[in-house]
Amino acid sequence: MELPWDLGLFSGLVQSALSFCSEFARDWGANDMRVTVFKILLGWLLCSLVAIHLAWKFYGATVNDMYYRQDIFNILLQQGMVPTCFKQTSIIPVPKKSAVTCLNNHQPLALTSTVMVF
């Protein structure tokens, strides 16, 4: 059996938020910038914490699954199966001097996957 919503808690939260906003408006009108900036940062922190909580609620299982699959790279390397995207490298010409007058004034720089460096 589902428990009914506790509207007392919800109305208390709404009342607290409204009082916070009215105090914020009074401080803003009084040009008390220290308090105003503090309240902006506090509001941002609370919104961020709520967003993190909601994101963890929806995506927490996926994050846990990804965390416990860290050994997939070791298994692939033990079996000799390396994805092709890890084997690819990009070679970029980097000028040796600031003034580039000739194509011979470049040195090659190879960009490889960080997984394959070790």
N, C-alpha and C. Protein backbone atom coordinates (compact mmCIF):
# COMPACT_ATOMS: atom_id res chain seq x y z
N MET A 1 0.83 -1.17 0.00
CA MET A 1 0.00 0.00 0.00
C MET A 1 0.88 1.25 0.00
N GLU A 2 0.56 2.16 -0.89
CA GLU A 2 1.36 3.38 -1.00
C GLU A 2 1.04 4.34 0.12
N LEU A 3 2.08 4.97 0.59
CA LEU A 3 1.89 5.98 1.63
C LEU A 3 1.48 7.29 0.96
N PRO A 4 0.55 8.03 1.56
CA PRO A 4 0.15 9.31 0.96
C PRO A 4 1.28 10.33 1.11
N TRP A 5 1.24 11.30 0.22
CA TRP A 5 2.24 12.37 0.27
C TRP A 5 2.07 13.17 1.55
N ASP A 6 3.17 13.53 2.13
CA ASP A 6 3.14 14.38 3.32
C ASP A 6 3.16 15.83 2.85
N LEU A 7 1.96 16.42 2.74
CA LEU A 7 1.86 17.79 2.24
C LEU A 7 2.39 18.81 3.23
N GLY A 8 2.47 18.45 4.50
CA GLY A 8 3.04 19.37 5.48
C GLY A 8 4.50 19.64 5.20
N LEU A 9 5.24 18.61 4.84
CA LEU A 9 6.64 18.77 4.50
C LEU A 9 6.81 19.59 3.23
N PHE A 10 5.99 19.28 2.23
CA PHE A 10 6.07 20.01 0.97
C PHE A 10 5.73 21.48 1.16
N SER A 11 4.67 21.77 1.91
CA SER A 11 4.30 23.17 2.13
C SER A 11 5.36 23.88 2.96
N GLY A 12 6.01 23.17 3.87
CA GLY A 12 7.11 23.76 4.63
C GLY A 12 8.28 24.13 3.75
N LEU A 13 8.59 23.25 2.79
CA LEU A 13 9.68 23.54 1.86
C LEU A 13 9.35 24.74 0.99
N VAL A 14 8.12 24.80 0.49
CA VAL A 14 7.71 25.93 -0.34
C VAL A 14 7.74 27.22 0.46
N GLN A 15 7.27 27.18 1.70
CA GLN A 15 7.27 28.37 2.55
C GLN A 15 8.71 28.82 2.84
N SER A 16 9.62 27.89 3.06
CA SER A 16 11.02 28.25 3.30
C SER A 16 11.63 28.88 2.06
N ALA A 17 11.33 28.32 0.90
CA ALA A 17 11.86 28.88 -0.34
C ALA A 17 11.32 30.28 -0.59
N LEU A 18 10.04 30.50 -0.31
CA LEU A 18 9.47 31.84 -0.51
C LEU A 18 10.05 32.85 0.48
N SER A 19 10.26 32.45 1.71
CA SER A 19 10.86 33.38 2.67
C SER A 19 12.30 33.68 2.30
N PHE A 20 13.03 32.68 1.80
CA PHE A 20 14.40 32.89 1.34
C PHE A 20 14.42 33.90 0.20
N CYS A 21 13.48 33.76 -0.74
CA CYS A 21 13.43 34.67 -1.89
C CYS A 21 13.03 36.08 -1.45
N SER A 22 12.12 36.21 -0.50
CA SER A 22 11.72 37.55 -0.05
C SER A 22 12.87 38.22 0.70
N GLU A 23 13.61 37.47 1.52
CA GLU A 23 14.79 38.04 2.18
C GLU A 23 15.85 38.44 1.17
N PHE A 24 16.00 37.62 0.15
CA PHE A 24 16.96 37.94 -0.92
C PHE A 24 16.58 39.25 -1.60
N ALA A 25 15.29 39.43 -1.88
CA ALA A 25 14.84 40.66 -2.53
C ALA A 25 15.07 41.87 -1.63
N ARG A 26 14.84 41.72 -0.32
CA ARG A 26 15.09 42.83 0.61
C ARG A 26 16.58 43.18 0.66
N ASP A 27 17.44 42.15 0.70
CA ASP A 27 18.89 42.41 0.72
C ASP A 27 19.35 43.05 -0.58
N TRP A 28 18.76 42.63 -1.68
CA TRP A 28 19.12 43.20 -2.98
C TRP A 28 18.72 44.68 -3.01
N GLY A 29 17.54 44.97 -2.51
CA GLY A 29 17.08 46.36 -2.48
C GLY A 29 17.91 47.22 -1.54
N ALA A 30 18.43 46.64 -0.47
CA ALA A 30 19.25 47.39 0.48
C ALA A 30 20.71 47.48 0.04
N ASN A 31 21.04 46.91 -1.10
CA ASN A 31 22.41 46.91 -1.64
C ASN A 31 23.40 46.27 -0.69
N ASP A 32 22.98 45.28 0.04
CA ASP A 32 23.89 44.53 0.90
C ASP A 32 24.45 43.38 0.07
N MET A 33 25.53 43.66 -0.63
CA MET A 33 26.05 42.73 -1.64
C MET A 33 26.68 41.48 -1.03
N ARG A 34 27.26 41.58 0.14
CA ARG A 34 27.86 40.39 0.74
C ARG A 34 26.80 39.33 1.01
N VAL A 35 25.70 39.77 1.61
CA VAL A 35 24.63 38.83 1.90
C VAL A 35 23.99 38.32 0.62
N THR A 36 23.83 39.22 -0.37
CA THR A 36 23.21 38.84 -1.64
C THR A 36 24.05 37.80 -2.36
N VAL A 37 25.35 38.03 -2.44
CA VAL A 37 26.24 37.07 -3.11
C VAL A 37 26.25 35.75 -2.35
N PHE A 38 26.26 35.81 -1.03
CA PHE A 38 26.22 34.59 -0.24
C PHE A 38 24.95 33.79 -0.52
N LYS A 39 23.83 34.48 -0.59
CA LYS A 39 22.57 33.78 -0.85
C LYS A 39 22.51 33.23 -2.26
N ILE A 40 23.08 33.94 -3.23
CA ILE A 40 23.14 33.40 -4.59
C ILE A 40 23.97 32.12 -4.61
N LEU A 41 25.13 32.15 -3.96
CA LEU A 41 25.98 30.96 -3.93
C LEU A 41 25.33 29.82 -3.16
N LEU A 42 24.65 30.14 -2.08
CA LEU A 42 23.96 29.11 -1.31
C LEU A 42 22.84 28.48 -2.14
N GLY A 43 22.08 29.31 -2.84
CA GLY A 43 21.04 28.78 -3.72
C GLY A 43 21.60 27.91 -4.82
N TRP A 44 22.72 28.34 -5.41
CA TRP A 44 23.38 27.56 -6.46
C TRP A 44 23.85 26.21 -5.91
N LEU A 45 24.40 26.22 -4.71
CA LEU A 45 24.87 24.98 -4.10
C LEU A 45 23.71 24.03 -3.84
N LEU A 46 22.62 24.55 -3.31
CA LEU A 46 21.47 23.69 -3.04
C LEU A 46 20.88 23.12 -4.32
N CYS A 47 20.76 23.95 -5.36
CA CYS A 47 20.26 23.45 -6.65
C CYS A 47 21.20 22.39 -7.23
N SER A 48 22.49 22.59 -7.09
CA SER A 48 23.46 21.61 -7.59
C SER A 48 23.33 20.29 -6.85
N LEU A 49 23.18 20.36 -5.53
CA LEU A 49 23.04 19.13 -4.76
C LEU A 49 21.77 18.38 -5.12
N VAL A 50 20.69 19.09 -5.33
CA VAL A 50 19.44 18.44 -5.75
C VAL A 50 19.61 17.81 -7.13
N ALA A 51 20.28 18.52 -8.05
CA ALA A 51 20.50 17.98 -9.39
C ALA A 51 21.38 16.74 -9.34
N ILE A 52 22.42 16.74 -8.51
CA ILE A 52 23.29 15.57 -8.38
C ILE A 52 22.50 14.40 -7.80
N HIS A 53 21.68 14.68 -6.82
CA HIS A 53 20.86 13.62 -6.22
C HIS A 53 19.92 13.01 -7.26
N LEU A 54 19.26 13.86 -8.04
CA LEU A 54 18.34 13.34 -9.07
C LEU A 54 19.10 12.58 -10.16
N ALA A 55 20.26 13.09 -10.56
CA ALA A 55 21.04 12.39 -11.58
C ALA A 55 21.51 11.03 -11.07
N TRP A 56 21.93 10.97 -9.82
CA TRP A 56 22.37 9.68 -9.26
C TRP A 56 21.20 8.71 -9.15
N LYS A 57 20.02 9.26 -8.86
CA LYS A 57 18.84 8.41 -8.75
C LYS A 57 18.52 7.76 -10.09
N PHE A 58 18.66 8.51 -11.19
CA PHE A 58 18.33 7.99 -12.50
C PHE A 58 19.48 7.18 -13.12
N TYR A 59 20.72 7.62 -12.95
CA TYR A 59 21.86 7.02 -13.64
C TYR A 59 22.83 6.28 -12.73
N GLY A 60 22.52 6.14 -11.45
CA GLY A 60 23.44 5.51 -10.51
C GLY A 60 23.77 4.08 -10.86
N ALA A 61 22.78 3.31 -11.28
CA ALA A 61 23.03 1.91 -11.63
C ALA A 61 23.98 1.80 -12.83
N THR A 62 23.81 2.70 -13.79
CA THR A 62 24.69 2.68 -14.97
C THR A 62 26.12 3.02 -14.59
N VAL A 63 26.28 3.99 -13.71
CA VAL A 63 27.62 4.38 -13.27
C VAL A 63 28.28 3.24 -12.51
N ASN A 64 27.52 2.57 -11.64
CA ASN A 64 28.08 1.42 -10.92
C ASN A 64 28.48 0.30 -11.87
N ASP A 65 27.65 0.03 -12.86
CA ASP A 65 28.00 -1.01 -13.84
C ASP A 65 29.28 -0.67 -14.59
N MET A 66 29.43 0.61 -14.96
CA MET A 66 30.64 1.01 -15.67
C MET A 66 31.86 0.93 -14.76
N TYR A 67 31.69 1.26 -13.49
CA TYR A 67 32.81 1.23 -12.55
C TYR A 67 33.32 -0.19 -12.35
N TYR A 68 32.43 -1.15 -12.25
CA TYR A 68 32.84 -2.52 -11.99
C TYR A 68 33.27 -3.26 -13.25
N ARG A 69 33.23 -2.61 -14.39
CA ARG A 69 33.72 -3.22 -15.64
C ARG A 69 35.08 -2.66 -16.03
N GLN A 70 35.85 -2.22 -15.08
CA GLN A 70 37.16 -1.65 -15.39
C GLN A 70 38.12 -2.69 -15.92
N ASP A 71 37.91 -3.95 -15.62
CA ASP A 71 38.83 -4.98 -16.07
C ASP A 71 38.63 -5.35 -17.53
N ILE A 72 37.73 -4.72 -18.23
CA ILE A 72 37.48 -5.07 -19.63
C ILE A 72 38.71 -4.81 -20.49
N PHE A 73 39.49 -3.78 -20.18
CA PHE A 73 40.71 -3.51 -20.94
C PHE A 73 41.74 -4.61 -20.72
N ASN A 74 41.88 -5.08 -19.48
CA ASN A 74 42.83 -6.16 -19.22
C ASN A 74 42.42 -7.44 -19.92
N ILE A 75 41.13 -7.74 -19.93
CA ILE A 75 40.66 -8.95 -20.61
C ILE A 75 40.93 -8.85 -22.11
N LEU A 76 40.66 -7.70 -22.69
CA LEU A 76 40.90 -7.53 -24.13
C LEU A 76 42.38 -7.66 -24.46
N LEU A 77 43.24 -7.10 -23.63
CA LEU A 77 44.68 -7.18 -23.90
C LEU A 77 45.20 -8.60 -23.71
N GLN A 78 44.67 -9.34 -22.71
CA GLN A 78 45.09 -10.71 -22.50
C GLN A 78 44.69 -11.60 -23.67
N GLN A 79 43.55 -11.33 -24.26
CA GLN A 79 43.08 -12.12 -25.40
C GLN A 79 43.67 -11.64 -26.71
N GLY A 80 44.42 -10.55 -26.68
CA GLY A 80 45.03 -10.03 -27.89
C GLY A 80 44.05 -9.27 -28.76
N MET A 81 42.96 -8.89 -28.21
CA MET A 81 41.96 -8.13 -28.96
C MET A 81 42.03 -6.67 -28.53
N VAL A 82 42.57 -5.83 -29.40
CA VAL A 82 42.66 -4.41 -29.11
C VAL A 82 41.77 -3.69 -30.12
N PRO A 83 40.85 -2.87 -29.67
CA PRO A 83 40.00 -2.13 -30.61
C PRO A 83 40.84 -1.27 -31.55
N THR A 84 40.37 -1.15 -32.78
CA THR A 84 41.14 -0.41 -33.79
C THR A 84 41.28 1.07 -33.43
N CYS A 85 40.31 1.61 -32.72
CA CYS A 85 40.44 3.03 -32.36
C CYS A 85 41.61 3.26 -31.42
N PHE A 86 42.02 2.22 -30.65
CA PHE A 86 43.18 2.36 -29.78
C PHE A 86 44.48 2.24 -30.56
N LYS A 87 44.44 1.57 -31.70
CA LYS A 87 45.65 1.37 -32.51
C LYS A 87 45.94 2.55 -33.42
N GLN A 88 44.96 3.39 -33.68
CA GLN A 88 45.14 4.48 -34.62
C GLN A 88 45.95 5.60 -33.99
N THR A 89 46.70 6.27 -34.84
CA THR A 89 47.49 7.42 -34.40
C THR A 89 47.35 8.52 -35.43
N SER A 90 47.46 9.73 -34.97
CA SER A 90 47.42 10.89 -35.87
C SER A 90 48.78 11.56 -35.82
N ILE A 91 49.31 11.86 -36.98
CA ILE A 91 50.60 12.54 -37.07
C ILE A 91 50.35 13.97 -37.51
N ILE A 92 50.80 14.90 -36.69
CA ILE A 92 50.57 16.32 -36.95
C ILE A 92 51.92 17.00 -37.13
N PRO A 93 52.07 17.77 -38.22
CA PRO A 93 53.32 18.51 -38.39
C PRO A 93 53.36 19.73 -37.48
N VAL A 94 54.43 19.84 -36.71
CA VAL A 94 54.62 20.97 -35.79
C VAL A 94 55.81 21.78 -36.29
N PRO A 95 55.63 23.10 -36.48
CA PRO A 95 56.76 23.90 -36.96
C PRO A 95 57.89 23.98 -35.93
N LYS A 96 59.13 23.88 -36.42
CA LYS A 96 60.28 23.97 -35.53
C LYS A 96 60.53 25.41 -35.09
N LYS A 97 60.27 26.34 -35.98
CA LYS A 97 60.46 27.76 -35.69
C LYS A 97 59.12 28.46 -35.84
N SER A 98 59.03 29.65 -35.28
CA SER A 98 57.76 30.38 -35.37
C SER A 98 57.46 30.82 -36.80
N ALA A 99 58.49 31.19 -37.55
CA ALA A 99 58.29 31.60 -38.94
C ALA A 99 58.47 30.38 -39.84
N VAL A 100 57.40 29.96 -40.48
CA VAL A 100 57.46 28.78 -41.34
C VAL A 100 57.67 29.25 -42.76
N THR A 101 58.83 28.89 -43.30
CA THR A 101 59.14 29.29 -44.68
C THR A 101 59.19 28.09 -45.61
N CYS A 102 59.40 26.91 -45.05
CA CYS A 102 59.56 25.72 -45.87
C CYS A 102 58.90 24.55 -45.15
N LEU A 103 58.46 23.57 -45.93
CA LEU A 103 57.85 22.39 -45.33
C LEU A 103 58.86 21.54 -44.57
N ASN A 104 60.15 21.74 -44.83
CA ASN A 104 61.18 20.98 -44.12
C ASN A 104 61.38 21.51 -42.69
N ASN A 105 60.78 22.63 -42.36
CA ASN A 105 60.92 23.20 -41.02
C ASN A 105 59.89 22.65 -40.04
N HIS A 106 59.33 21.48 -40.34
CA HIS A 106 58.35 20.86 -39.46
C HIS A 106 58.90 19.56 -38.90
N GLN A 107 58.45 19.23 -37.71
CA GLN A 107 58.78 17.92 -37.15
C GLN A 107 57.46 17.20 -36.86
N PRO A 108 57.44 15.89 -37.04
CA PRO A 108 56.19 15.15 -36.83
C PRO A 108 55.90 14.95 -35.35
N LEU A 109 54.63 15.02 -35.00
CA LEU A 109 54.17 14.75 -33.65
C LEU A 109 53.08 13.69 -33.74
N ALA A 110 53.29 12.56 -33.10
CA ALA A 110 52.33 11.46 -33.15
C ALA A 110 51.42 11.51 -31.94
N LEU A 111 50.10 11.57 -32.18
CA LEU A 111 49.11 11.55 -31.13
C LEU A 111 48.50 10.16 -31.08
N THR A 112 48.75 9.45 -29.99
CA THR A 112 48.21 8.10 -29.85
C THR A 112 47.22 8.07 -28.68
N SER A 113 46.47 7.00 -28.58
CA SER A 113 45.52 6.83 -27.50
C SER A 113 46.28 6.68 -26.18
N THR A 114 45.78 7.29 -25.12
CA THR A 114 46.46 7.20 -23.83
C THR A 114 46.43 5.78 -23.27
N VAL A 115 45.47 4.98 -23.69
CA VAL A 115 45.42 3.58 -23.22
C VAL A 115 46.61 2.82 -23.78
N MET A 116 47.01 3.10 -25.00
CA MET A 116 48.08 2.34 -25.65
C MET A 116 49.48 2.88 -25.34
N VAL A 117 49.59 4.00 -24.65
CA VAL A 117 50.89 4.56 -24.34
C VAL A 117 51.62 3.67 -23.34
N PHE A 118 50.91 3.10 -22.39
CA PHE A 118 51.56 2.33 -21.33
C PHE A 118 51.78 0.92 -21.73
